[in-house]
């Protein structure tokens, strides 16, 4: 039952996304459907943060795409252990592959075979926790006038600080991160809208790519 502590840790983030989404004008059914069908905390926080009325769909799609690029590497790392999965099961497994499911599955696969029953049991428990906590947060959101009082406005920053900590690979990682942060801040101060997210990500990615090319 290694998934139980992770369920407890995920619930507050679900409450936060539900509360923040209602503050942005999303209805309870909309945030519930979004949580059930997207099932990706980081990209949902980005989407809510960038949400406007009417929604800028191109901006939202590009931002969530950038955030979820890490899933390419996650899927590649887990692929050798999914040989017992059929094609339909693989598709469902990819939908359910969040950071927590991936980490638990990879750890289990080091000592025993990873079977669909085990994988989907963990995934289902996390999915139910996420959707129900987001629903609860959305239901309570209208009663909370200022989410910042409870620290909900820091949830997006906390999510990404956690992701960054897991991606740290030593001093060589610092330069792309520093460039991305500097460009994002500069664009945020000079250009209206959410372009700082994209410009920072692209600048950091180009620096990382250039450094990798020189090493090769």
Foldseek 3Di string as FASTA:
>chain_A
DVLVVVLVVLLVLLLLLLLLQVVQPDALVRQLVCCLQQVESLLSVVCSVQQDVVGPVVVSVVLSCLVCPVLVVLCVLCVVLCPQDDPVLVVVLSSLDYPVLSVVQSVVVVPDRRHSVVSVVSSVSNSVSNSVSSSVSNVCNVVDPDCVVVPSVCSNVVVVVVVVVVVDDPPVLPVLQVQLVVQLVVCVVPPDHRVSSVRSSVSSVVVVVVVVVVVD
